[in-house]
C-alpha atoms as a PDB file:
ATOM      1  CA  MET A   1      74.248  84.878 133.946  1.00  0.00           C
ATOM      2  CA  THR A   2      75.247  81.013 134.519  1.00  0.00           C
ATOM      3  CA  SER A   3      72.189  79.950 133.123  1.00  0.00           C
ATOM      4  CA  ALA A   4      72.021  82.127 130.604  1.00  0.00           C
ATOM      5  CA  LEU A   5      75.758  81.285 128.712  1.00  0.00           C
ATOM      6  CA  PHE A   6      74.983  77.094 130.277  1.00  0.00           C
ATOM      7  CA  ALA A   7      72.220  77.711 127.697  1.00  0.00           C
ATOM      8  CA  ARG A   8      74.255  79.034 124.283  1.00  0.00           C
ATOM      9  CA  THR A   9      76.645  76.602 125.477  1.00  0.00           C
ATOM     10  CA  ALA A  10      73.626  74.300 125.224  1.00  0.00           C
ATOM     11  CA  ALA A  11      72.746  74.870 121.960  1.00  0.00           C
ATOM     12  CA  LYS A  12      75.797  74.579 120.417  1.00  0.00           C
ATOM     13  CA  PRO A  13      75.403  70.860 118.819  1.00  0.00           C
ATOM     14  CA  ARG A  14      71.588  71.288 118.088  1.00  0.00           C
ATOM     15  CA  ALA A  15      72.980  73.882 116.014  1.00  0.00           C
ATOM     16  CA  GLY A  16      75.495  72.055 114.001  1.00  0.00           C
ATOM     17  CA  ARG A  17      72.788  68.949 113.597  1.00  0.00           C
ATOM     18  CA  PRO A  18      71.297  69.737 110.731  1.00  0.00           C
ATOM     19  CA  ARG A  19      74.353  70.823 108.966  1.00  0.00           C
ATOM     20  CA  ASP A  20      75.868  67.265 110.239  1.00  0.00           C
ATOM     21  CA  ARG A  21      72.318  65.476 108.404  1.00  0.00           C
ATOM     22  CA  VAL A  22      73.381  67.032 104.944  1.00  0.00           C
ATOM     23  CA  THR A  23      76.440  65.636 105.055  1.00  0.00           C
ATOM     24  CA  LEU A  24      74.976  62.943 105.809  1.00  0.00           C
ATOM     25  CA  ALA A  25      73.147  62.621 103.232  1.00  0.00           C
ATOM     26  CA  ALA A  26      75.310  63.628 100.396  1.00  0.00           C
ATOM     27  CA  GLY A  27      77.614  61.393 101.492  1.00  0.00           C
ATOM     28  CA  CYS A  28      75.014  59.216 101.071  1.00  0.00           C
ATOM     29  CA  VAL A  29      74.463  60.050  97.729  1.00  0.00           C
ATOM     30  CA  VAL A  30      78.040  60.214  97.018  1.00  0.00           C
ATOM     31  CA  GLY A  31      78.211  56.553  97.938  1.00  0.00           C
ATOM     32  CA  LEU A  32      74.948  55.395  96.631  1.00  0.00           C
ATOM     33  CA  PHE A  33      76.703  56.392  92.782  1.00  0.00           C
ATOM     34  CA  VAL A  34      79.543  55.101  93.891  1.00  0.00           C
ATOM     35  CA  LEU A  35      78.255  51.575  94.294  1.00  0.00           C
ATOM     36  CA  LEU A  36      76.178  51.995  90.941  1.00  0.00           C
ATOM     37  CA  ALA A  37      79.786  53.399  88.970  1.00  0.00           C
ATOM     38  CA  LEU A  38      81.012  49.959  90.287  1.00  0.00           C
ATOM     39  CA  CYS A  39      78.319  47.756  90.256  1.00  0.00           C
ATOM     40  CA  GLY A  40      76.408  49.107  87.098  1.00  0.00           C
ATOM     41  CA  PRO A  41      76.560  46.461  84.898  1.00  0.00           C
ATOM     42  CA  LEU A  42      74.763  43.681  87.791  1.00  0.00           C
ATOM     43  CA  LEU A  43      72.120  46.176  87.918  1.00  0.00           C
ATOM     44  CA  VAL A  44      71.092  47.046  84.254  1.00  0.00           C
ATOM     45  CA  PRO A  45      67.333  45.732  83.683  1.00  0.00           C
ATOM     46  CA  HIS A  46      67.947  46.198  80.059  1.00  0.00           C
ATOM     47  CA  ALA A  47      70.862  46.118  78.204  1.00  0.00           C
ATOM     48  CA  PRO A  48      72.152  49.643  77.653  1.00  0.00           C
ATOM     49  CA  ASN A  49      72.918  49.905  74.359  1.00  0.00           C
ATOM     50  CA  ALA A  50      69.776  47.545  72.637  1.00  0.00           C
ATOM     51  CA  VAL A  51      67.994  49.308  70.390  1.00  0.00           C
ATOM     52  CA  ASP A  52      64.123  48.794  69.927  1.00  0.00           C
ATOM     53  CA  PRO A  53      62.541  50.775  67.520  1.00  0.00           C
ATOM     54  CA  LEU A  54      59.255  49.983  68.106  1.00  0.00           C
ATOM     55  CA  ASN A  55      59.371  51.185  71.689  1.00  0.00           C
ATOM     56  CA  VAL A  56      60.424  54.890  70.562  1.00  0.00           C
ATOM     57  CA  HIS A  57      60.083  57.664  73.512  1.00  0.00           C
ATOM     58  CA  SER A  58      58.167  55.246  75.472  1.00  0.00           C
ATOM     59  CA  ALA A  59      56.427  56.241  79.092  1.00  0.00           C
ATOM     60  CA  PRO A  60      57.740  55.048  81.944  1.00  0.00           C
ATOM     61  CA  SER A  61      55.968  51.425  82.139  1.00  0.00           C
ATOM     62  CA  ALA A  62      56.371  48.720  84.241  1.00  0.00           C
ATOM     63  CA  THR A  63      58.846  47.705  81.409  1.00  0.00           C
ATOM     64  CA  HIS A  64      61.204  50.729  81.498  1.00  0.00           C
ATOM     65  CA  LEU A  65      60.867  52.701  84.867  1.00  0.00           C
ATOM     66  CA  LEU A  66      62.020  55.603  83.106  1.00  0.00           C
ATOM     67  CA  GLY A  67      61.047  55.051  79.994  1.00  0.00           C
ATOM     68  CA  THR A  68      63.246  54.757  76.655  1.00  0.00           C
ATOM     69  CA  ASP A  69      64.986  57.448  74.047  1.00  0.00           C
ATOM     70  CA  ASP A  70      64.830  57.697  70.552  1.00  0.00           C
ATOM     71  CA  SER A  71      65.805  54.893  69.920  1.00  0.00           C
ATOM     72  CA  GLY A  72      64.237  52.741  71.820  1.00  0.00           C
ATOM     73  CA  ARG A  73      67.149  52.181  74.264  1.00  0.00           C
ATOM     74  CA  ASP A  74      66.044  51.645  78.042  1.00  0.00           C
ATOM     75  CA  LEU A  75      66.659  55.086  79.883  1.00  0.00           C
ATOM     76  CA  LEU A  76      67.679  53.744  83.386  1.00  0.00           C
ATOM     77  CA  SER A  77      69.599  50.971  81.986  1.00  0.00           C
ATOM     78  CA  ARG A  78      71.636  53.873  80.075  1.00  0.00           C
ATOM     79  CA  LEU A  79      71.648  56.537  83.603  1.00  0.00           C
ATOM     80  CA  ILE A  80      72.976  52.819  84.962  1.00  0.00           C
ATOM     81  CA  ALA A  81      75.371  51.720  82.876  1.00  0.00           C
ATOM     82  CA  GLY A  82      76.389  55.663  82.031  1.00  0.00           C
ATOM     83  CA  THR A  83      77.466  56.112  85.922  1.00  0.00           C
ATOM     84  CA  ARG A  84      80.710  54.898  85.433  1.00  0.00           C
ATOM     85  CA  ALA A  85      82.191  56.976  82.650  1.00  0.00           C
ATOM     86  CA  SER A  86      80.776  59.643  83.957  1.00  0.00           C
ATOM     87  CA  LEU A  87      82.306  59.166  87.076  1.00  0.00           C
ATOM     88  CA  ALA A  88      85.464  57.538  86.085  1.00  0.00           C
ATOM     89  CA  ALA A  89      86.866  60.522  84.124  1.00  0.00           C
ATOM     90  CA  PRO A  90      86.169  63.396  86.459  1.00  0.00           C
ATOM     91  CA  ALA A  91      88.374  60.477  89.529  1.00  0.00           C
ATOM     92  CA  VAL A  92      91.460  60.317  87.165  1.00  0.00           C
ATOM     93  CA  VAL A  93      91.392  64.611  86.725  1.00  0.00           C
ATOM     94  CA  ILE A  94      91.564  64.914  90.412  1.00  0.00           C
ATOM     95  CA  ALA A  95      93.413  61.793  91.360  1.00  0.00           C
ATOM     96  CA  VAL A  96      96.165  63.502  88.734  1.00  0.00           C
ATOM     97  CA  SER A  97      95.721  66.750  89.685  1.00  0.00           C
ATOM     98  CA  THR A  98      95.191  66.019  93.211  1.00  0.00           C
ATOM     99  CA  THR A  99      99.428  63.711  93.777  1.00  0.00           C
ATOM    100  CA  LEU A 100     100.915  66.279  91.480  1.00  0.00           C
ATOM    101  CA  GLY A 101      99.261  69.381  92.699  1.00  0.00           C
ATOM    102  CA  THR A 102     100.451  68.399  96.157  1.00  0.00           C
ATOM    103  CA  LEU A 103     103.710  67.011  95.267  1.00  0.00           C
ATOM    104  CA  LEU A 104     104.388  70.861  93.535  1.00  0.00           C
ATOM    105  CA  ALA A 105     102.902  72.337  96.631  1.00  0.00           C
ATOM    106  CA  LEU A 106     105.342  71.042  98.899  1.00  0.00           C
ATOM    107  CA  VAL A 107     108.360  70.970  96.863  1.00  0.00           C
ATOM    108  CA  ALA A 108     107.659  74.790  96.766  1.00  0.00           C
ATOM    109  CA  ALA A 109     106.560  75.290 100.223  1.00  0.00           C
ATOM    110  CA  TRP A 110     110.093  73.188 101.922  1.00  0.00           C
ATOM    111  CA  PHE A 111     112.998  74.454  99.138  1.00  0.00           C
ATOM    112  CA  GLY A 112     111.941  78.109  98.828  1.00  0.00           C
ATOM    113  CA  GLY A 113     113.798  80.323  96.875  1.00  0.00           C
ATOM    114  CA  TRP A 114     113.948  80.573  93.356  1.00  0.00           C
ATOM    115  CA  LEU A 115     111.976  77.298  92.620  1.00  0.00           C
ATOM    116  CA  ASP A 116     109.105  78.338  94.790  1.00  0.00           C
ATOM    117  CA  ARG A 117     109.000  81.406  92.647  1.00  0.00           C
ATOM    118  CA  PHE A 118     109.354  79.014  89.504  1.00  0.00           C
ATOM    119  CA  VAL A 119     106.866  77.137  90.416  1.00  0.00           C
ATOM    120  CA  SER A 120     103.783  79.290  91.600  1.00  0.00           C
ATOM    121  CA  GLY A 121     104.676  81.465  88.314  1.00  0.00           C
ATOM    122  CA  ALA A 122     104.084  78.699  85.834  1.00  0.00           C
ATOM    123  CA  LEU A 123     100.680  78.308  87.840  1.00  0.00           C
ATOM    124  CA  ASP A 124      99.948  81.579  87.110  1.00  0.00           C
ATOM    125  CA  VAL A 125      99.760  80.831  83.584  1.00  0.00           C
ATOM    126  CA  VAL A 126      98.577  77.741  83.643  1.00  0.00           C
ATOM    127  CA  PHE A 127      95.244  79.023  86.175  1.00  0.00           C
ATOM    128  CA  GLY A 128      94.829  82.008  83.376  1.00  0.00           C
ATOM    129  CA  PHE A 129      93.914  79.868  80.875  1.00  0.00           C
ATOM    130  CA  PRO A 130      90.196  78.638  81.255  1.00  0.00           C
ATOM    131  CA  GLY A 131      90.328  74.848  81.593  1.00  0.00           C
ATOM    132  CA  LEU A 132      87.178  73.731  79.936  1.00  0.00           C
ATOM    133  CA  ILE A 133      88.715  75.596  76.647  1.00  0.00           C
ATOM    134  CA  MET A 134      92.152  74.214  76.927  1.00  0.00           C
ATOM    135  CA  ALA A 135      90.195  71.141  77.369  1.00  0.00           C
ATOM    136  CA  VAL A 136      88.708  71.362  73.809  1.00  0.00           C
ATOM    137  CA  LEU A 137      91.419  72.845  71.946  1.00  0.00           C
ATOM    138  CA  VAL A 138      93.510  69.389  72.836  1.00  0.00           C
ATOM    139  CA  ALA A 139      90.457  67.401  71.775  1.00  0.00           C
ATOM    140  CA  ALA A 140      90.261  69.513  68.563  1.00  0.00           C
ATOM    141  CA  VAL A 141      94.062  68.902  68.024  1.00  0.00           C
ATOM    142  CA  PHE A 142      94.206  65.038  69.078  1.00  0.00           C
ATOM    143  CA  GLY A 143      90.955  63.824  67.817  1.00  0.00           C
ATOM    144  CA  ALA A 144      87.406  63.128  69.964  1.00  0.00           C
ATOM    145  CA  GLY A 145      88.130  60.490  73.070  1.00  0.00           C
ATOM    146  CA  LEU A 146      88.348  61.680  76.205  1.00  0.00           C
ATOM    147  CA  THR A 147      92.279  60.757  76.866  1.00  0.00           C
ATOM    148  CA  ALA A 148      93.153  64.524  75.660  1.00  0.00           C
ATOM    149  CA  PRO A 149      90.319  65.946  76.930  1.00  0.00           C
ATOM    150  CA  VAL A 150      91.193  64.186  80.627  1.00  0.00           C
ATOM    151  CA  VAL A 151      95.113  65.340  80.279  1.00  0.00           C
ATOM    152  CA  ALA A 152      94.263  68.886  79.521  1.00  0.00           C
ATOM    153  CA  LEU A 153      91.898  68.995  82.459  1.00  0.00           C
ATOM    154  CA  SER A 154      94.628  67.748  85.090  1.00  0.00           C
ATOM    155  CA  ILE A 155      96.872  70.354  83.675  1.00  0.00           C
ATOM    156  CA  ALA A 156      94.390  73.391  84.317  1.00  0.00           C
ATOM    157  CA  TYR A 157      93.044  71.771  87.550  1.00  0.00           C
ATOM    158  CA  LEU A 158      96.693  71.483  89.172  1.00  0.00           C
ATOM    159  CA  PRO A 159      96.764  75.395  90.214  1.00  0.00           C
ATOM    160  CA  LEU A 160      94.220  75.113  92.293  1.00  0.00           C
ATOM    161  CA  ILE A 161      95.033  72.518  93.754  1.00  0.00           C
ATOM    162  CA  THR A 162      98.619  73.522  94.598  1.00  0.00           C
ATOM    163  CA  ARG A 163      98.216  76.995  95.560  1.00  0.00           C
ATOM    164  CA  VAL A 164      96.164  76.044  98.538  1.00  0.00           C
ATOM    165  CA  VAL A 165      98.426  73.874  99.602  1.00  0.00           C
ATOM    166  CA  ARG A 166     101.142  75.163  99.662  1.00  0.00           C
ATOM    167  CA  SER A 167      99.628  78.229 101.522  1.00  0.00           C
ATOM    168  CA  ALA A 168      99.205  75.418 104.780  1.00  0.00           C
ATOM    169  CA  ALA A 169     102.798  73.500 103.812  1.00  0.00           C
ATOM    170  CA  ILE A 170     104.493  76.848 104.056  1.00  0.00           C
ATOM    171  CA  LYS A 171     103.052  77.113 107.695  1.00  0.00           C
ATOM    172  CA  GLU A 172     103.630  73.862 108.161  1.00  0.00           C
ATOM    173  CA  ARG A 173     107.070  74.149 107.182  1.00  0.00           C
ATOM    174  CA  ASN A 174     108.312  76.893 109.492  1.00  0.00           C
ATOM    175  CA  LEU A 175     106.484  75.179 112.603  1.00  0.00           C
ATOM    176  CA  PRO A 176     109.672  74.536 115.997  1.00  0.00           C
ATOM    177  CA  TYR A 177     108.855  70.008 115.164  1.00  0.00           C
ATOM    178  CA  VAL A 178     109.974  70.513 111.716  1.00  0.00           C
ATOM    179  CA  SER A 179     113.462  72.172 112.770  1.00  0.00           C
ATOM    180  CA  ALA A 180     113.247  69.677 115.469  1.00  0.00           C
ATOM    181  CA  LEU A 181     113.013  66.616 113.187  1.00  0.00           C
ATOM    182  CA  GLN A 182     115.566  68.595 110.821  1.00  0.00           C
ATOM    183  CA  LEU A 183     118.367  69.278 113.800  1.00  0.00           C
ATOM    184  CA  LEU A 184     117.882  65.946 114.856  1.00  0.00           C
ATOM    185  CA  GLY A 185     118.938  64.678 111.735  1.00  0.00           C
ATOM    186  CA  ALA A 186     115.648  62.912 110.242  1.00  0.00           C
ATOM    187  CA  PRO A 187     115.331  62.411 106.451  1.00  0.00           C
ATOM    188  CA  THR A 188     113.089  64.778 104.109  1.00  0.00           C
ATOM    189  CA  ALA A 189     111.421  61.614 103.228  1.00  0.00           C
ATOM    190  CA  ARG A 190     110.708  60.657 106.321  1.00  0.00           C
ATOM    191  CA  ILE A 191     109.322  64.208 107.261  1.00  0.00           C
ATOM    192  CA  TRP A 192     107.300  64.811 104.276  1.00  0.00           C
ATOM    193  CA  LEU A 193     105.597  61.268 104.613  1.00  0.00           C
ATOM    194  CA  ARG A 194     104.993  61.086 108.661  1.00  0.00           C
ATOM    195  CA  HIS A 195     104.711  65.208 109.510  1.00  0.00           C
ATOM    196  CA  LEU A 196     103.883  66.890 106.548  1.00  0.00           C
ATOM    197  CA  LEU A 197     101.718  65.138 103.856  1.00  0.00           C
ATOM    198  CA  PRO A 198      99.422  63.947 107.482  1.00  0.00           C
ATOM    199  CA  ASN A 199      98.761  67.692 108.397  1.00  0.00           C
ATOM    200  CA  LEU A 200      97.576  68.422 104.930  1.00  0.00           C
ATOM    201  CA  GLY A 201      96.240  65.374 104.424  1.00  0.00           C
ATOM    202  CA  PRO A 202      92.084  66.955 105.797  1.00  0.00           C
ATOM    203  CA  LEU A 203      92.816  69.900 103.873  1.00  0.00           C
ATOM    204  CA  VAL A 204      93.675  67.645 100.300  1.00  0.00           C
ATOM    205  CA  LEU A 205      91.003  65.682 100.843  1.00  0.00           C
ATOM    206  CA  VAL A 206      88.304  68.539 100.955  1.00  0.00           C
ATOM    207  CA  GLN A 207      89.832  70.121  98.099  1.00  0.00           C
ATOM    208  CA  ALA A 208      89.967  66.911  96.147  1.00  0.00           C
ATOM    209  CA  THR A 209      86.127  66.549  96.691  1.00  0.00           C
ATOM    210  CA  ILE A 210      84.739  69.770  96.043  1.00  0.00           C
ATOM    211  CA  GLY A 211      87.177  69.795  92.744  1.00  0.00           C
ATOM    212  CA  PHE A 212      85.376  66.591  91.733  1.00  0.00           C
ATOM    213  CA  GLY A 213      82.280  67.903  91.101  1.00  0.00           C
ATOM    214  CA  TYR A 214      83.207  70.687  88.858  1.00  0.00           C
ATOM    215  CA  ALA A 215      85.254  68.574  86.952  1.00  0.00           C
ATOM    216  CA  LEU A 216      82.338  66.297  86.181  1.00  0.00           C
ATOM    217  CA  LEU A 217      80.864  69.171  85.583  1.00  0.00           C
ATOM    218  CA  ASP A 218      83.764  69.785  82.804  1.00  0.00           C
ATOM    219  CA  VAL A 219      83.711  66.258  81.699  1.00  0.00           C
ATOM    220  CA  ALA A 220      80.337  66.144  80.965  1.00  0.00           C
ATOM    221  CA  ALA A 221      80.444  69.819  79.273  1.00  0.00           C
ATOM    222  CA  ILE A 222      82.782  68.619  76.845  1.00  0.00           C
ATOM    223  CA  SER A 223      80.907  65.392  75.551  1.00  0.00           C
ATOM    224  CA  PHE A 224      78.108  67.417  75.427  1.00  0.00           C
ATOM    225  CA  LEU A 225      79.992  69.019  72.601  1.00  0.00           C
ATOM    226  CA  GLY A 226      80.811  65.973  70.922  1.00  0.00           C
ATOM    227  CA  LEU A 227      84.782  66.000  71.812  1.00  0.00           C
ATOM    228  CA  GLY A 228      84.533  63.445  74.536  1.00  0.00           C
ATOM    229  CA  SER A 229      82.607  59.926  74.869  1.00  0.00           C
ATOM    230  CA  GLN A 230      80.791  59.197  71.355  1.00  0.00           C
ATOM    231  CA  PRO A 231      78.016  57.210  70.931  1.00  0.00           C
ATOM    232  CA  PRO A 232      76.111  55.158  71.442  1.00  0.00           C
ATOM    233  CA  ASP A 233      78.286  55.301  74.834  1.00  0.00           C
ATOM    234  CA  PRO A 234      75.335  55.758  77.700  1.00  0.00           C
ATOM    235  CA  GLU A 235      77.878  59.176  79.291  1.00  0.00           C
ATOM    236  CA  TRP A 236      75.658  61.508  81.680  1.00  0.00           C
ATOM    237  CA  GLY A 237      76.946  64.239  79.235  1.00  0.00           C
ATOM    238  CA  LEU A 238      76.552  62.890  75.351  1.00  0.00           C
ATOM    239  CA  MET A 239      72.972  61.998  76.566  1.00  0.00           C
ATOM    240  CA  VAL A 240      71.764  65.438  77.310  1.00  0.00           C
ATOM    241  CA  ALA A 241      73.158  66.345  73.914  1.00  0.00           C
ATOM    242  CA  ASN A 242      71.720  62.921  72.135  1.00  0.00           C
ATOM    243  CA  GLY A 243      68.049  63.637  73.695  1.00  0.00           C
ATOM    244  CA  ALA A 244      68.211  68.087  73.267  1.00  0.00           C
ATOM    245  CA  PRO A 245      66.616  67.130  69.661  1.00  0.00           C
ATOM    246  CA  SER A 246      64.044  65.514  71.152  1.00  0.00           C
ATOM    247  CA  ILE A 247      62.850  68.168  73.902  1.00  0.00           C
ATOM    248  CA  LEU A 248      61.025  69.771  70.699  1.00  0.00           C
ATOM    249  CA  ALA A 249      59.709  66.957  70.131  1.00  0.00           C
ATOM    250  CA  GLY A 250      57.647  66.732  73.698  1.00  0.00           C
ATOM    251  CA  ALA A 251      60.180  63.907  74.893  1.00  0.00           C
ATOM    252  CA  PRO A 252      62.746  65.768  77.079  1.00  0.00           C
ATOM    253  CA  GLN A 253      63.128  62.349  79.352  1.00  0.00           C
ATOM    254  CA  GLN A 254      66.710  61.601  78.145  1.00  0.00           C
ATOM    255  CA  SER A 255      68.178  64.925  78.968  1.00  0.00           C
ATOM    256  CA  LEU A 256      65.975  65.836  81.854  1.00  0.00           C
ATOM    257  CA  TYR A 257      67.358  62.549  84.036  1.00  0.00           C
ATOM    258  CA  ALA A 258      71.249  62.953  82.775  1.00  0.00           C
ATOM    259  CA  GLY A 259      71.148  66.283  83.402  1.00  0.00           C
ATOM    260  CA  LEU A 260      69.110  65.673  87.098  1.00  0.00           C
ATOM    261  CA  ALA A 261      72.051  63.137  87.538  1.00  0.00           C
ATOM    262  CA  ILE A 262      74.350  65.586  86.755  1.00  0.00           C
ATOM    263  CA  LEU A 263      72.847  68.444  89.341  1.00  0.00           C
ATOM    264  CA  LEU A 264      72.337  65.817  92.169  1.00  0.00           C
ATOM    265  CA  VAL A 265      76.305  64.371  92.004  1.00  0.00           C
ATOM    266  CA  VAL A 266      77.044  67.873  91.842  1.00  0.00           C
ATOM    267  CA  VAL A 267      76.035  69.202  94.328  1.00  0.00           C
ATOM    268  CA  ALA A 268      76.107  66.047  96.584  1.00  0.00           C
ATOM    269  CA  PHE A 269      80.408  66.191  96.156  1.00  0.00           C
ATOM    270  CA  ASN A 270      80.140  69.926  97.395  1.00  0.00           C
ATOM    271  CA  LEU A 271      77.846  69.406 100.101  1.00  0.00           C
ATOM    272  CA  LEU A 272      80.513  66.715 101.565  1.00  0.00           C
ATOM    273  CA  GLY A 273      83.301  68.962 100.776  1.00  0.00           C
ATOM    274  CA  ALA A 274      81.846  71.399 103.054  1.00  0.00           C
ATOM    275  CA  GLY A 275      81.029  69.533 105.359  1.00  0.00           C
ATOM    276  CA  LEU A 276      84.626  67.638 105.544  1.00  0.00           C
ATOM    277  CA  SER A 277      85.943  70.692 105.755  1.00  0.00           C
ATOM    278  CA  ARG A 278      84.003  72.305 108.654  1.00  0.00           C
ATOM    279  CA  ARG A 279      84.127  68.544 110.458  1.00  0.00           C
ATOM    280  CA  LEU A 280      87.872  68.689 109.552  1.00  0.00           C
ATOM    281  CA  LEU A 281      89.590  72.112 108.633  1.00  0.00           C
ATOM    282  CA  GLY A 282      87.339  73.960 111.513  1.00  0.00           C
ATOM    283  CA  GLU A 283      86.075  75.956 109.285  1.00  0.00           C
ATOM    284  CA  ARG A 284      82.670  78.130 109.805  1.00  0.00           C
ATOM    285  CA  THR A 285      80.458  78.596 107.631  1.00  0.00           C
END
């Protein structure tokens, strides 16, 4: 009996190791793409927008490791240079929605009553409107470019952050230590900054990490529709769209490589978010 219990206990760390390795691998992939976004202009082997009409749809070679597109531009250079544009817009969406969503969640959970009901009702209205459609409509009204869609997506992602954080904030608000701090005369701002936000931080980080992948997909879809980044910007969603006509001509490289880059980043952020959830929140999946 004792030996069997010891065997099960000893097996638990081993069972978690594959998950830890997946999380570590996902973190390395995310770190690599962040590094490319920061240092991309210094790493590109060719000018991303340099056109070579005599070298269209060339196969991978020592000069062009991934070949060229329909204008003779180096695909590897465009993929690397496009990392910054492809990750910057989703980063802004998640930063804005997470900051505002966390603030709204704290206000609703702390004061409760009619204010909580008003915030919840407003979020329900926003949640009922698909974010991608909202971004497309805004881009159609204000013109092509990433500014208007980023603002629209930031608003659309508010309920995704606020709802989860609000539920956790209500539980945290009702814990005895909060009442004790209030009885001691601690200011509300101090309670929020010194206690509530640090305790809610892991949940916010997990939600932001997972949400980044979905924001990247939405931004890429907007660029794919021609309402986001404009040619000749090397943005991944735009590259998928620009390479679509060449697929029937037997040259799928541009769309394929850009699509794989999007897929890899989305999967990496989702796996990293799942790993952080297990580590920071104690979830078991």
